[in-house]
Each structure stands twice: as C-alpha cells, then as structure tokens.
Protein backbone atom coordinates (compact mmCIF):
# COMPACT_ATOMS: atom_id res chain seq x y z
CA MET A 1 -19.33 -15.79 13.05
CA GLU A 2 -16.41 -16.76 10.70
CA ASN A 3 -13.96 -15.98 14.76
CA ASN A 4 -16.65 -17.97 16.63
CA LEU A 5 -16.51 -20.81 14.70
CA LYS A 6 -12.67 -20.88 14.58
CA ASP A 7 -12.39 -20.53 18.43
CA HIS A 8 -14.92 -23.51 18.77
CA TRP A 9 -12.46 -25.28 17.10
CA GLU A 10 -9.36 -24.57 18.52
CA HIS A 11 -10.95 -24.88 21.79
CA ILE A 12 -12.19 -28.24 20.91
CA TYR A 13 -9.09 -29.99 19.21
CA GLY A 14 -7.07 -27.78 22.71
CA THR A 15 -9.35 -29.69 25.35
CA LYS A 16 -10.00 -32.54 23.98
CA GLN A 17 -7.95 -36.22 23.64
CA PRO A 18 -9.23 -37.95 20.34
CA HIS A 19 -10.58 -40.60 22.00
CA GLU A 20 -12.82 -37.96 23.94
CA VAL A 21 -14.99 -36.87 20.71
CA SER A 22 -17.04 -38.42 18.36
CA TRP A 23 -16.00 -38.45 14.75
CA THR A 24 -12.08 -40.51 15.77
CA GLN A 25 -11.53 -43.14 13.68
CA GLU A 26 -7.92 -45.31 14.00
CA ILE A 27 -8.84 -46.63 10.79
CA PRO A 28 -11.19 -44.74 8.25
CA THR A 29 -12.53 -47.96 6.29
CA THR A 30 -15.35 -46.26 4.19
CA SER A 31 -13.05 -43.38 2.82
CA LEU A 32 -10.23 -45.76 2.35
CA LYS A 33 -12.22 -48.34 -0.03
CA LEU A 34 -13.83 -45.17 -1.74
CA ILE A 35 -10.77 -43.98 -2.65
CA GLU A 36 -9.29 -47.36 -3.41
CA GLU A 37 -11.93 -48.02 -5.96
CA LEU A 38 -11.40 -44.71 -7.94
CA ASN A 39 -7.92 -46.12 -8.86
CA LEU A 40 -6.01 -42.93 -8.84
CA SER A 41 -2.52 -42.36 -9.66
CA LYS A 42 0.26 -41.82 -6.59
CA ASP A 43 0.30 -38.48 -7.55
CA ALA A 44 -2.59 -37.37 -7.69
CA HIS A 45 -3.64 -34.27 -6.12
CA ILE A 46 -5.97 -35.30 -3.03
CA ILE A 47 -7.45 -32.47 -0.24
CA ASP A 48 -9.05 -33.77 2.66
CA VAL A 49 -10.80 -31.07 3.41
CA GLY A 50 -12.00 -30.44 7.67
CA GLY A 51 -9.65 -33.08 7.90
CA GLY A 52 -8.20 -31.88 11.27
CA ASP A 53 -6.13 -34.78 13.29
CA SER A 54 -7.81 -37.51 11.03
CA HIS A 55 -5.73 -40.61 10.33
CA LEU A 56 -6.75 -40.58 6.25
CA VAL A 57 -3.64 -39.02 6.01
CA ASP A 58 -1.33 -41.33 7.50
CA HIS A 59 -2.89 -44.26 5.90
CA LEU A 60 -2.82 -42.19 2.13
CA LEU A 61 1.11 -42.09 3.20
CA LYS A 62 1.26 -45.31 3.48
CA MET A 63 -0.42 -46.19 0.12
CA GLU A 64 2.50 -44.08 -1.28
CA PHE A 65 0.24 -41.27 -2.39
CA THR A 66 2.75 -38.02 -3.30
CA ASN A 67 0.39 -35.05 -3.46
CA LEU A 68 -1.50 -34.59 -0.01
CA THR A 69 -3.16 -31.57 1.40
CA VAL A 70 -4.67 -31.47 4.46
CA LEU A 71 -7.09 -28.15 5.31
CA ASP A 72 -9.02 -27.33 8.70
CA ILE A 73 -10.23 -24.29 10.31
CA SER A 74 -8.10 -25.28 13.40
CA ALA A 75 -4.22 -25.10 13.96
CA ALA A 76 -4.94 -27.32 16.85
CA ALA A 77 -5.97 -29.99 14.57
CA ILE A 78 -3.33 -29.67 12.26
CA ASN A 79 -0.68 -29.03 14.79
CA ARG A 80 -1.51 -32.65 16.30
CA ALA A 81 -1.84 -34.20 13.27
CA LYS A 82 1.85 -32.95 12.37
CA GLU A 83 3.29 -34.12 16.00
CA ARG A 84 1.86 -37.66 15.31
CA LEU A 85 3.39 -38.04 11.96
CA GLN A 86 6.45 -36.65 12.95
CA SER A 87 8.97 -36.58 9.64
CA ASP A 88 6.05 -38.14 7.50
CA ALA A 89 4.68 -34.05 8.02
CA ASP A 90 6.70 -32.76 5.98
CA LYS A 91 5.13 -34.71 3.04
CA VAL A 92 2.03 -32.78 2.93
CA LYS A 93 0.63 -29.63 2.72
CA TRP A 94 -0.95 -27.80 5.68
CA ILE A 95 -4.05 -25.46 5.32
CA VAL A 96 -5.21 -23.40 8.39
CA SER A 97 -8.44 -22.18 6.84
CA ASP A 98 -12.12 -22.24 7.09
CA ILE A 99 -13.11 -23.46 4.06
CA LEU A 100 -15.37 -21.03 2.68
CA ASP A 101 -12.25 -18.53 2.72
CA PHE A 102 -9.92 -20.85 1.08
CA LYS A 103 -8.65 -19.59 -2.34
CA PRO A 104 -7.17 -22.87 -4.32
CA ASN A 105 -4.73 -22.16 -6.19
CA THR A 106 -4.54 -26.24 -7.45
CA THR A 107 -6.86 -28.25 -9.20
CA TYR A 108 -6.90 -31.62 -6.79
CA THR A 109 -7.79 -34.72 -8.54
CA LEU A 110 -9.93 -35.65 -5.77
CA TRP A 111 -11.47 -33.38 -3.47
CA HIS A 112 -12.54 -35.50 -0.03
CA ASP A 113 -14.89 -34.27 2.87
CA ARG A 114 -15.97 -36.92 5.34
CA ALA A 115 -17.91 -34.31 7.79
CA SER A 116 -17.38 -30.67 6.95
CA PHE A 117 -19.89 -29.60 4.10
CA HIS A 118 -22.84 -30.89 6.54
CA PHE A 119 -21.65 -27.79 8.91
CA GLN A 120 -23.05 -25.57 6.05
CA ILE A 121 -26.37 -24.67 7.14
CA THR A 122 -27.23 -21.53 4.95
CA GLU A 123 -28.22 -21.41 1.76
CA GLU A 124 -25.18 -18.96 0.65
CA ALA A 125 -22.93 -20.92 2.70
CA ILE A 126 -23.73 -24.08 0.84
CA ASN A 127 -23.57 -22.70 -2.47
CA GLN A 128 -20.20 -20.62 -1.70
CA TYR A 129 -18.84 -24.80 -0.76
CA LEU A 130 -20.34 -25.83 -3.51
CA SER A 131 -18.53 -23.24 -5.83
CA ILE A 132 -14.85 -23.74 -3.88
CA LEU A 133 -15.37 -27.00 -4.49
CA LYS A 134 -16.61 -27.06 -8.19
CA LYS A 135 -13.52 -24.41 -8.87
CA ALA A 136 -11.07 -26.80 -6.89
CA THR A 137 -11.74 -30.26 -8.04
CA LYS A 138 -11.09 -31.73 -11.71
CA ASP A 139 -11.85 -35.16 -11.65
CA TYR A 140 -13.92 -36.56 -8.57
CA ALA A 141 -15.39 -35.78 -4.68
CA ILE A 142 -16.21 -38.25 -2.08
CA VAL A 143 -18.89 -36.17 -0.11
CA GLY A 144 -19.65 -37.09 3.46
CA GLY A 145 -21.70 -36.34 6.44
CA PHE A 146 -25.00 -36.94 8.81
CA SER A 147 -27.45 -38.27 7.30
CA THR A 148 -31.18 -37.86 7.79
CA GLU A 149 -30.80 -40.66 9.93
CA GLY A 150 -27.82 -39.34 11.98
CA PRO A 151 -27.80 -36.83 14.65
CA LYS A 152 -29.12 -33.63 14.21
CA LYS A 153 -26.13 -31.98 15.87
CA CYS A 154 -22.40 -32.29 16.08
CA SER A 155 -19.90 -31.36 18.94
CA ALA A 156 -22.74 -28.55 19.70
CA LEU A 157 -22.79 -27.30 16.74
CA GLU A 158 -26.20 -27.51 13.96
CA ILE A 159 -25.65 -29.00 10.43
CA LYS A 160 -27.65 -29.84 7.63
CA GLN A 161 -28.66 -33.85 7.43
CA TYR A 162 -28.98 -34.92 3.98
CA ASN A 163 -30.25 -38.22 1.88
CA GLU A 164 -29.54 -39.19 -1.38
CA GLU A 165 -31.02 -37.10 -3.67
CA ALA A 166 -30.32 -33.56 -1.99
CA LEU A 167 -26.92 -34.55 -2.00
CA GLN A 168 -27.02 -35.70 -5.09
CA GLU A 169 -28.99 -32.81 -6.25
CA CYS A 170 -26.10 -30.67 -4.73
CA MET A 171 -23.29 -31.80 -6.67
CA ALA A 172 -25.29 -32.11 -9.55
CA GLY A 173 -26.09 -28.43 -9.57
CA VAL A 174 -21.83 -28.26 -9.86
CA ALA A 175 -21.50 -30.36 -12.58
CA PHE A 176 -21.18 -33.46 -10.82
CA HIS A 177 -22.43 -36.72 -11.46
CA THR A 178 -23.25 -39.32 -8.91
CA MET A 179 -20.90 -42.75 -8.88
CA LYS A 180 -22.62 -44.04 -5.31
CA THR A 181 -23.66 -43.02 -2.49
CA LEU A 182 -23.59 -45.56 0.39
CA ARG A 183 -24.93 -45.63 4.62
CA VAL A 184 -22.60 -46.49 7.11
CA ASP A 185 -23.15 -46.58 10.95
CA HIS A 186 -19.94 -44.68 12.64
CA ILE A 187 -19.38 -46.19 15.87
CA THR A 188 -18.04 -43.37 17.99
CA PRO A 189 -15.51 -43.76 20.64
CA MET A 190 -17.77 -43.55 23.52
CA GLY A 191 -20.00 -46.48 21.69
CA GLY A 192 -22.23 -44.02 19.82
CA PHE A 193 -23.82 -44.69 16.16
CA GLN A 194 -23.85 -41.84 13.69
CA ASN A 195 -25.59 -42.96 10.08
CA PHE A 196 -22.81 -41.33 8.14
CA LEU A 197 -23.80 -40.62 4.37
CA PHE A 198 -21.72 -40.62 2.03
CA GLY A 199 -21.75 -40.06 -2.06
CA VAL A 200 -18.68 -40.22 -4.77
CA TYR A 201 -19.07 -38.05 -7.59
CA GLN A 202 -17.09 -37.67 -11.13
CA LYS A 203 -17.18 -34.17 -12.32
CA HIS A 204 -18.45 -33.67 -15.87
CA ASP A 205 -18.04 -31.00 -18.67
C-alpha cells in the first residue's frame, strides 16, 4: 500500500500543474496568520509535513525564518518546490518520506501540517502519526484538514473528517492542549469550496 501511495502522489505531481489540483494556494493566508500569532524566534525549527510544493516555505523564508524543513512523500513535489525557489532552496532541508516512516533526528519548535493528517484513516495510522508528532515536536503544532463540512475524499483518496472535539481529543492524547481552532473555506483553483478545520496546539509536560 505504501508504494501504491507514493506512486499515486508521484503521478499527481508529475502530471498536473498547480492550477490543476485543489489544494494550491498562492498565499497560504491561514497558516501564515497562525504562525505569526505564535511569535516564534527566527531560528525556530519549523517542519511543514506533507508540504509538497506548497508556497508556505517561500513566505517563511521571506519572514526570515532560518531553520525550515519540508517533508513530503513525493520527490516530484519537492523538486518542483526547489525549482521554484532556485538558490533559496539551499536554505531549506528537504525530506522525501511517508510521514509514517519518518524518524526525526531534530526536535521541532513547530510542526505544521495543513492536510496530511486527514489521510490517516485507520486507528493504527492515526496513532502512529500522533506518536511521531509527539516525539518530533517540543512546543507547538498546527494541524489542518477537512472538517465535517468538507469533502470526504482528496485527490481520489479517502480521508478522515474532523470536528473540533475529535481533533482536540487526538492531540490531547499526545500531551498537546488546544490554543485555538478555526474553520475556513479554501477556494480551489477551479472555484470550488473546501471547508478546513485548523487547530493550534501547545505541548505540555
């Protein structure tokens, strides 16, 4: 299944342009606002999980963050981001990996995930993801995904929808308390609407 999943995403990023996929955002406004509100130091270690060729890293570089990591299962997605950033790509650490295979050797100040978690649909996968998040993160996590008012699939794959309570319960189980949650409508490049739920969480002892 893992290879099938990797093949799926390599095919998507190898055959479709950004305007042809639903998740594209020229400016990831919600994520940027939530990160700004945390008032992190510029040398904070930030990882964007499932970042693909997201433009979040471009904006974080412009904000002068210096310890940025992008992880994605698709090498094609990461190569596309590198090509876009040109010489600035050297300022970012790039990791090609399924998140469930990720073995972090750095502890991150902030774990950011706009839409990777909701692809974990079995209890085993959810628990494994949360265990990795807990191990890898020392301060904050921003986790987003389709809400109970959003789509039931993404890129033809099944996803797990969340409401505020369910997402809070997941994060509380790995020692994160909820700072805030919000729902936002993402307008796709094709003009459709997808309702996302974002949560901001702080780790506690």
